[in-house]
Each structure stands twice: as C-alpha cells, then as structure tokens.
Amino acid sequence: MRIRYEDMKGVFEEILLSRGLSAHDAALGAKIFADNSLCGVLSHGVNRFPRVIEYIDKGGIDVKSECEVVFTFGPFERWNCHRGFGPLNAAKAMERAIEISKKAGVGVVALGNNNHWMRGGTYAEMASSAGSIGICWSNTMPNMPSWGARNPTIGNNPLCIAVPRKSGAPFLLDMAISQYSYGKLERERLAGRTLPYPGGFDEEGNLTSDPSLIEKSRRLLPMGYWKGSGLSIALDLLVTLLSEGLSVKEIGELETEIGLSQIMIALDPEKFGIDDLDSRVSSTLEYVKSATVAEGFKEISYPGEGLARARKENEENGIEVVDEVWDRILSFRC
C-alpha cells in the first residue's frame, strides 16, 4: 500500500503524543520518521517506528528526559542525554552546532548516553539546509566482526557528510561502515531480492548475497575489508572520548542497543572566507557525472541524488509501506 506523507506524519504524531511527548516534540519526532520514509529510507522511518514505540513502552527510551550540557570549551559542548528520545536529541544537538557555527565558524556537540538517532543523514542535511557543512556520526552496539574475526566486536557506525548547494540535489553522504547496512538487508529481504554484490558471510563462513543469511550470522562485510574495520574502530574511539559516553564494548554489555554516543559538527563556509562554494560544489559534481557510464550501469550519480529522486516520487505517489508494518503501527493508537 501507499500512504500519503501528511497522513503518515499525522499517525506518528498521534501515537507519540499518546506516549507522553510534548506537542512540540511529538511533531518533530513524527516529522523525522515521516521524512526518513519520504526519502526512501524505510528502515529508519516507517519500518523502524514500531520498534521505537516498543522501546518507549518498555522504558528503554525516557521521553521526558532532557539533555544536560555537562561541559563546554570554546565552540564545543558535551551533552548527557539521559537515554532520551534519540532523534529529538540529535536534531536539537545539530541545531545547537549550527547556532554555534554561525558565530564561531565551527560548532561541535558531543552527545553521550543517547539512544538510536534513526537516519544520520537527517542531521547532516539540517546543517546544509542552513547553509553550513554538516558532519556527524554515531557508534552502535557490536554488530559487525572486525576484519579477520568471526564474532561481532565493532559497530556498523554511520558516517554522514552534507555540503550545501543552491541548485540541484544537494550532496549528502550517508553511509554505514559495512558494505550494506542492516536496513538495506531488511529491505532486500522483505522484497524477496538478493544483494547485487556479496555483503557478508553465512554461518559457515562463506561469502553470500543472501540478506537473510547475513542477518542470521550477523557477519556483515566491512566496506574495504580491513579499511572499513579500521574506520569503525576510529569513529567509535573519537565519539566515545569526546562524549565521555559508552563505547561499543560497553553498549554490547547492555541488554539492548541503548546509551549510544554521537557527534554533530557544523561549519559555516562564510566564516572561512569561502565565497564561491556553490559553483565549486556544482563543478565537481558535474565533473563526476560527466564520466562514461560503465557496462551494467544506467547512470552515474553522486551521494544525495537517489534520495532526492525518491522524495519526489513519494511526494507524488505516496510512500510504499508493507501492509503488515502499517497494521502494526495502527495497533499502537490509543
């Protein structure tokens, strides 16, 4: 079935209000989940919404908690989020980083003791929409093996970079450290498809393109093999130290994936004397797209183009949702 954006957002808002969120927070939370769905990231939008409500109902997410600024130094702030509603805390932190950047050129907010932020690109895109460069990442529970290991000891840590652009689809890199994210595996499994390239190992240690076998083994393939493994470790170390939050090891010792750490960075190009940012960004992206298309590919695109296309299509036709998922969401209405 297809659900109109406004209808989806309204249902999300109604359910969040019923769980005790303020009117402002319920509206913002609903918008984040609906926007993620609108741009085609269902795994961190409509498909994830039921699990988040279950976390709230079980007490894993405290919707009444407020982030506390526990340390400041120049353009840097450290927050303790007291295991509140992850997407709201992340949005407020990026808003603060943007605000700082408009005065100091750069703003950095480190969040400790937060919960899952859903789609990381949401917050990098907030910065680019405000004319700033946005950089953010999060750590996760141990859900990917380090290179050469059988069991998961590192996180599939999302890394996001957005650069503002006045015309055309903005540049937005939103990537997991694995070759395919768990969200991608879920989406392809639900659609009955295999992956175009091997994305992990089965329980016998064989490379496979079957998403269900990778989900079962939890042996995702790090992008770039040992390079992706190293990048995951580096991101976890940086975010853990700056936020004084839980590391991937400590998150893994909890019963569920809570208490995550995140970094929000905003840079104001004007403060760095960059006057021709738009022309330079457009020139680079147009150059990338000018290359000859290789065999087996339809076109060359840059990060962010696919999201823009999906958003336009879903605005026109509604967001495609699995019937069982939507029925589950409706069951949360009071």
Protein backbone atom coordinates (compact mmCIF):
# COMPACT_ATOMS: atom_id res chain seq x y z
CA MET A 1 0.00 0.00 0.00
CA ARG A 2 0.98 3.65 -0.36
CA ILE A 3 0.45 6.19 2.41
CA ARG A 4 0.44 9.94 1.85
CA TYR A 5 3.19 11.80 3.70
CA GLU A 6 0.84 14.00 5.72
CA ASP A 7 -1.29 11.01 6.73
CA MET A 8 1.77 9.08 7.87
CA LYS A 9 3.13 12.02 9.83
CA GLY A 10 -0.26 12.54 11.48
CA VAL A 11 -0.45 8.93 12.67
CA PHE A 12 3.11 9.08 14.00
CA GLU A 13 2.36 12.32 15.85
CA GLU A 14 -0.83 10.93 17.37
CA ILE A 15 0.99 7.86 18.69
CA LEU A 16 3.93 9.85 20.08
CA LEU A 17 1.55 12.23 21.83
CA SER A 18 -0.16 9.24 23.43
CA ARG A 19 3.25 8.12 24.80
CA GLY A 20 3.73 11.37 26.73
CA LEU A 21 5.79 13.53 24.36
CA SER A 22 5.06 17.25 24.37
CA ALA A 23 3.21 18.66 21.37
CA HIS A 24 6.44 20.18 20.01
CA ASP A 25 8.49 17.01 20.46
CA ALA A 26 5.76 14.75 19.07
CA ALA A 27 5.50 16.92 15.95
CA LEU A 28 9.28 16.99 15.46
CA GLY A 29 9.64 13.26 16.10
CA ALA A 30 6.81 12.46 13.68
CA LYS A 31 8.39 14.68 11.03
CA ILE A 32 11.76 12.94 11.36
CA PHE A 33 10.25 9.47 10.92
CA ALA A 34 7.97 10.60 8.08
CA ASP A 35 10.80 12.47 6.31
CA ASN A 36 13.05 9.42 6.52
CA SER A 37 10.28 7.38 4.92
CA LEU A 38 9.64 10.05 2.28
CA CYS A 39 13.23 9.89 1.02
CA GLY A 40 13.06 6.09 0.81
CA VAL A 41 14.93 5.13 3.99
CA LEU A 42 12.10 2.97 5.31
CA SER A 43 14.45 1.02 7.58
CA HIS A 44 14.87 4.13 9.74
CA GLY A 45 11.41 5.51 9.13
CA VAL A 46 8.12 3.65 8.96
CA ASN A 47 9.69 0.19 9.34
CA ARG A 48 11.55 1.22 12.50
CA PHE A 49 8.70 3.13 14.13
CA PRO A 50 7.04 0.08 15.79
CA ARG A 51 10.30 -0.95 17.44
CA VAL A 52 10.83 2.56 18.81
CA ILE A 53 7.35 2.62 20.32
CA GLU A 54 8.04 -0.75 21.93
CA TYR A 55 11.27 0.68 23.43
CA ILE A 56 9.28 3.60 24.84
CA ASP A 57 6.61 1.28 26.27
CA LYS A 58 9.27 -0.91 27.91
CA GLY A 59 11.11 2.08 29.41
CA GLY A 60 14.23 1.84 27.23
CA ILE A 61 13.57 5.38 25.99
CA ASP A 62 12.68 8.09 28.51
CA VAL A 63 10.59 10.58 26.51
CA LYS A 64 10.51 13.02 29.45
CA SER A 65 14.27 13.34 29.86
CA GLU A 66 16.13 16.47 28.79
CA CYS A 67 19.70 16.69 27.55
CA GLU A 68 22.09 18.33 30.04
CA VAL A 69 25.12 20.37 28.98
CA VAL A 70 27.90 18.95 31.15
CA PHE A 71 30.99 20.57 29.60
CA THR A 72 31.81 23.49 27.31
CA PHE A 73 35.04 24.72 25.76
CA GLY A 74 35.04 27.34 23.02
CA PRO A 75 32.75 26.09 20.20
CA PHE A 76 32.45 22.63 21.80
CA GLU A 77 29.67 21.30 24.05
CA ARG A 78 29.24 17.89 25.67
CA TRP A 79 25.71 16.70 26.48
CA ASN A 80 24.40 13.93 28.70
CA CYS A 81 21.12 12.89 27.07
CA HIS A 82 19.94 10.63 29.90
CA ARG A 83 18.75 7.97 27.44
CA GLY A 84 16.03 10.14 25.99
CA PHE A 85 14.42 10.09 22.55
CA GLY A 86 17.41 9.75 20.22
CA PRO A 87 16.15 11.53 17.08
CA LEU A 88 14.93 14.55 19.04
CA ASN A 89 18.19 14.86 20.97
CA ALA A 90 20.22 14.54 17.76
CA ALA A 91 18.13 17.20 15.99
CA LYS A 92 18.44 19.61 18.90
CA ALA A 93 22.19 18.99 19.08
CA MET A 94 22.69 19.75 15.39
CA GLU A 95 20.55 22.89 15.76
CA ARG A 96 22.90 23.95 18.54
CA ALA A 97 26.01 23.11 16.50
CA ILE A 98 24.66 25.25 13.62
CA GLU A 99 23.93 28.10 16.03
CA ILE A 100 27.48 27.99 17.39
CA SER A 101 28.97 27.78 13.88
CA LYS A 102 27.22 30.99 12.81
CA LYS A 103 29.25 32.80 15.48
CA ALA A 104 32.48 30.83 15.73
CA GLY A 105 32.72 29.27 12.27
CA VAL A 106 32.51 25.76 13.69
CA GLY A 107 30.17 24.19 16.21
CA VAL A 108 30.64 20.76 17.78
CA VAL A 109 28.19 18.99 20.08
CA ALA A 110 29.03 15.55 21.51
CA LEU A 111 26.11 13.50 22.82
CA GLY A 112 26.64 10.78 25.40
CA ASN A 113 24.05 8.45 26.90
CA ASN A 114 21.65 8.96 23.99
CA ASN A 115 19.57 6.43 22.05
CA HIS A 116 19.40 5.47 18.36
CA TRP A 117 19.21 8.57 16.15
CA MET A 118 17.50 6.76 13.22
CA ARG A 119 18.80 8.20 9.88
CA GLY A 120 22.03 10.08 10.41
CA GLY A 121 21.62 11.97 7.16
CA THR A 122 18.71 13.84 8.75
CA TYR A 123 21.11 15.88 10.87
CA ALA A 124 23.83 16.47 8.28
CA GLU A 125 21.06 17.67 5.95
CA MET A 126 19.83 20.07 8.65
CA ALA A 127 23.22 21.76 8.53
CA SER A 128 23.34 22.01 4.73
CA SER A 129 19.80 23.41 4.66
CA ALA A 130 21.04 26.16 6.98
CA GLY A 131 23.96 26.93 4.66
CA SER A 132 26.52 25.04 6.75
CA ILE A 133 28.60 21.95 6.09
CA GLY A 134 27.35 19.12 8.29
CA ILE A 135 29.37 16.17 9.60
CA CYS A 136 28.03 13.65 12.09
CA TRP A 137 28.43 10.07 13.17
CA SER A 138 27.27 7.64 15.83
CA ASN A 139 28.53 4.48 17.41
CA THR A 140 26.37 1.37 17.77
CA MET A 141 26.20 -1.94 19.53
CA PRO A 142 28.79 -4.52 18.36
CA ASN A 143 27.04 -5.78 15.22
CA MET A 144 29.90 -6.38 12.78
CA PRO A 145 33.06 -8.50 13.04
CA SER A 146 36.39 -6.72 12.82
CA TRP A 147 38.45 -7.87 9.87
CA GLY A 148 39.51 -11.48 10.41
CA ALA A 149 37.05 -12.14 13.27
CA ARG A 150 34.04 -14.44 13.41
CA ASN A 151 32.03 -12.69 16.12
CA PRO A 152 30.92 -9.02 16.17
CA THR A 153 33.11 -6.69 18.25
CA ILE A 154 32.82 -3.42 16.28
CA GLY A 155 29.88 -1.21 15.32
CA ASN A 156 28.39 -0.53 11.92
CA ASN A 157 28.86 3.15 12.70
CA PRO A 158 27.01 5.54 10.35
CA LEU A 159 29.01 8.48 8.97
CA CYS A 160 27.28 11.44 7.29
CA ILE A 161 28.59 14.50 5.41
CA ALA A 162 26.41 17.14 3.73
CA VAL A 163 27.54 20.16 1.70
CA PRO A 164 25.11 22.99 0.92
CA ARG A 165 24.13 23.69 -2.67
CA LYS A 166 21.74 26.30 -4.04
CA SER A 167 20.61 24.41 -7.14
CA GLY A 168 20.24 20.72 -7.92
CA ALA A 169 20.16 17.84 -5.49
CA PRO A 170 22.43 18.57 -2.51
CA PHE A 171 25.47 16.44 -1.75
CA LEU A 172 24.60 14.11 1.12
CA LEU A 173 26.80 11.17 2.02
CA ASP A 174 25.00 8.90 4.49
CA MET A 175 26.77 5.59 4.81
CA ALA A 176 27.23 2.69 7.12
CA ILE A 177 30.68 1.14 7.53
CA SER A 178 29.50 -2.22 6.22
CA GLN A 179 29.16 -2.92 2.51
CA TYR A 180 25.40 -3.00 3.13
CA SER A 181 23.62 -1.70 6.22
CA TYR A 182 21.23 -3.85 8.25
CA GLY A 183 18.47 -1.59 6.93
CA LYS A 184 19.43 -2.49 3.35
CA LEU A 185 19.49 -6.19 4.25
CA GLU A 186 16.00 -5.92 5.74
CA ARG A 187 14.65 -4.01 2.75
CA GLU A 188 16.01 -6.51 0.21
CA ARG A 189 14.83 -9.50 2.26
CA LEU A 190 11.31 -8.11 2.56
CA ALA A 191 11.29 -7.51 -1.20
CA GLY A 192 12.48 -11.06 -1.90
CA ARG A 193 15.70 -9.85 -3.56
CA THR A 194 19.35 -10.83 -3.26
CA LEU A 195 22.16 -8.28 -2.97
CA PRO A 196 23.94 -7.21 -6.18
CA TYR A 197 27.32 -7.99 -4.56
CA PRO A 198 28.30 -10.22 -1.60
CA GLY A 199 27.51 -8.36 1.61
CA GLY A 200 28.68 -10.73 4.32
CA PHE A 201 29.22 -14.30 5.44
CA ASP A 202 26.79 -17.10 6.23
CA GLU A 203 27.15 -19.19 9.39
CA GLU A 204 29.64 -21.48 7.63
CA GLY A 205 31.90 -18.58 6.74
CA ASN A 206 31.04 -18.40 3.04
CA LEU A 207 30.57 -15.06 1.30
CA THR A 208 26.92 -14.62 0.35
CA SER A 209 24.49 -12.24 -1.33
CA ASP A 210 21.52 -13.63 0.58
CA PRO A 211 20.44 -10.92 3.06
CA SER A 212 18.62 -13.36 5.35
CA LEU A 213 21.76 -15.48 5.81
CA ILE A 214 23.82 -12.41 6.70
CA GLU A 215 21.17 -11.21 9.18
CA LYS A 216 21.25 -14.66 10.78
CA SER A 217 25.05 -14.88 11.06
CA ARG A 218 25.50 -11.17 11.94
CA ARG A 219 28.72 -11.32 9.92
CA LEU A 220 28.45 -8.17 7.82
CA LEU A 221 31.29 -7.46 5.42
CA PRO A 222 33.10 -4.20 6.30
CA MET A 223 33.47 -1.91 3.29
CA GLY A 224 37.02 -2.05 2.03
CA TYR A 225 37.58 -5.12 4.23
CA TRP A 226 40.27 -4.14 6.78
CA LYS A 227 39.94 -0.43 5.92
CA GLY A 228 36.27 -0.33 6.89
CA SER A 229 37.07 -2.26 10.05
CA GLY A 230 39.71 0.30 10.99
CA LEU A 231 37.40 3.23 10.25
CA SER A 232 34.71 1.77 12.51
CA ILE A 233 37.16 1.50 15.39
CA ALA A 234 38.41 5.06 14.81
CA LEU A 235 34.89 6.53 14.78
CA ASP A 236 33.98 4.70 17.98
CA LEU A 237 37.12 5.90 19.75
CA LEU A 238 36.57 9.53 18.73
CA VAL A 239 32.90 9.68 19.64
CA THR A 240 33.43 7.85 22.92
CA LEU A 241 36.26 10.13 24.03
CA LEU A 242 34.56 13.39 23.01
CA SER A 243 31.18 12.49 24.52
CA GLU A 244 32.53 10.57 27.53
CA GLY A 245 29.74 8.14 26.61
CA LEU A 246 29.61 4.38 26.26
CA SER A 247 31.97 2.61 23.87
CA VAL A 248 30.93 -0.19 21.53
CA LYS A 249 32.19 -2.67 24.15
CA GLU A 250 30.09 -1.12 26.93
CA ILE A 251 26.98 -0.86 24.74
CA GLY A 252 27.37 -4.54 23.94
CA GLU A 253 27.22 -5.40 27.63
CA LEU A 254 23.69 -3.95 27.89
CA GLU A 255 20.53 -5.94 27.15
CA THR A 256 19.52 -3.73 24.22
CA GLU A 257 21.08 -1.07 21.98
CA ILE A 258 20.77 2.00 24.20
CA GLY A 259 23.13 4.64 25.56
CA LEU A 260 24.73 5.48 22.20
CA SER A 261 27.25 8.28 21.57
CA GLN A 262 27.07 10.77 18.70
CA ILE A 263 28.96 13.78 17.28
CA MET A 264 27.39 16.76 15.49
CA ILE A 265 29.67 19.17 13.62
CA ALA A 266 28.59 22.26 11.66
CA LEU A 267 30.95 24.54 9.71
CA ASP A 268 29.86 27.91 8.31
CA PRO A 269 31.59 28.41 4.91
CA GLU A 270 31.25 32.20 5.10
CA LYS A 271 33.30 32.33 8.28
CA PHE A 272 36.11 30.51 6.42
CA GLY A 273 36.05 33.01 3.55
CA ILE A 274 34.53 30.60 1.01
CA ASP A 275 32.63 32.86 -1.37
CA ASP A 276 32.23 30.56 -4.39
CA LEU A 277 31.13 27.39 -2.59
CA ASP A 278 28.09 26.73 -4.78
CA SER A 279 29.98 26.99 -8.08
CA ARG A 280 32.83 24.83 -6.83
CA VAL A 281 30.49 22.15 -5.49
CA SER A 282 28.43 22.12 -8.68
CA SER A 283 31.55 22.00 -10.86
CA THR A 284 32.89 18.96 -9.01
CA LEU A 285 29.58 17.09 -9.06
CA GLU A 286 29.05 17.82 -12.76
CA TYR A 287 32.56 16.57 -13.49
CA VAL A 288 31.86 13.32 -11.61
CA LYS A 289 28.68 12.81 -13.62
CA SER A 290 30.42 13.51 -16.94
CA ALA A 291 32.33 10.22 -16.89
CA THR A 292 31.47 7.47 -19.36
CA VAL A 293 28.91 5.03 -17.96
CA ALA A 294 30.36 1.55 -17.48
CA GLU A 295 28.77 -1.66 -18.67
CA GLY A 296 25.91 -2.83 -16.48
CA PHE A 297 25.12 0.63 -15.10
CA LYS A 298 22.39 3.04 -16.18
CA GLU A 299 23.89 6.30 -14.96
CA ILE A 300 26.47 7.94 -12.74
CA SER A 301 25.14 9.64 -9.64
CA TYR A 302 26.62 11.27 -6.57
CA PRO A 303 25.54 10.80 -2.92
CA GLY A 304 22.20 12.53 -2.37
CA GLU A 305 20.73 12.22 -5.87
CA GLY A 306 18.92 8.97 -5.13
CA LEU A 307 17.32 10.43 -2.02
CA ALA A 308 16.11 13.45 -3.95
CA ARG A 309 14.53 11.24 -6.61
CA ALA A 310 12.86 9.01 -4.03
CA ARG A 311 11.50 12.04 -2.17
CA LYS A 312 9.96 13.47 -5.37
CA GLU A 313 8.37 10.15 -6.33
CA ASN A 314 6.96 9.55 -2.87
CA GLU A 315 5.60 13.07 -2.65
CA GLU A 316 3.68 12.44 -5.87
CA ASN A 317 2.57 8.85 -5.31
CA GLY A 318 2.67 8.27 -1.56
CA ILE A 319 5.14 6.22 0.46
CA GLU A 320 5.09 2.49 -0.18
CA VAL A 321 4.61 0.56 3.06
CA VAL A 322 4.33 -3.16 3.77
CA ASP A 323 0.75 -3.87 4.88
CA GLU A 324 1.83 -5.77 8.00
CA VAL A 325 4.08 -2.90 9.11
CA TRP A 326 1.32 -0.32 8.78
CA ASP A 327 -1.17 -2.55 10.58
CA ARG A 328 1.33 -2.92 13.41
CA ILE A 329 1.73 0.86 13.63
CA LEU A 330 -2.03 1.41 13.71
CA SER A 331 -2.29 -1.06 16.60
CA PHE A 332 -0.35 1.42 18.79
CA ARG A 333 -3.10 4.03 18.52
CA CYS A 334 -4.99 4.53 21.75
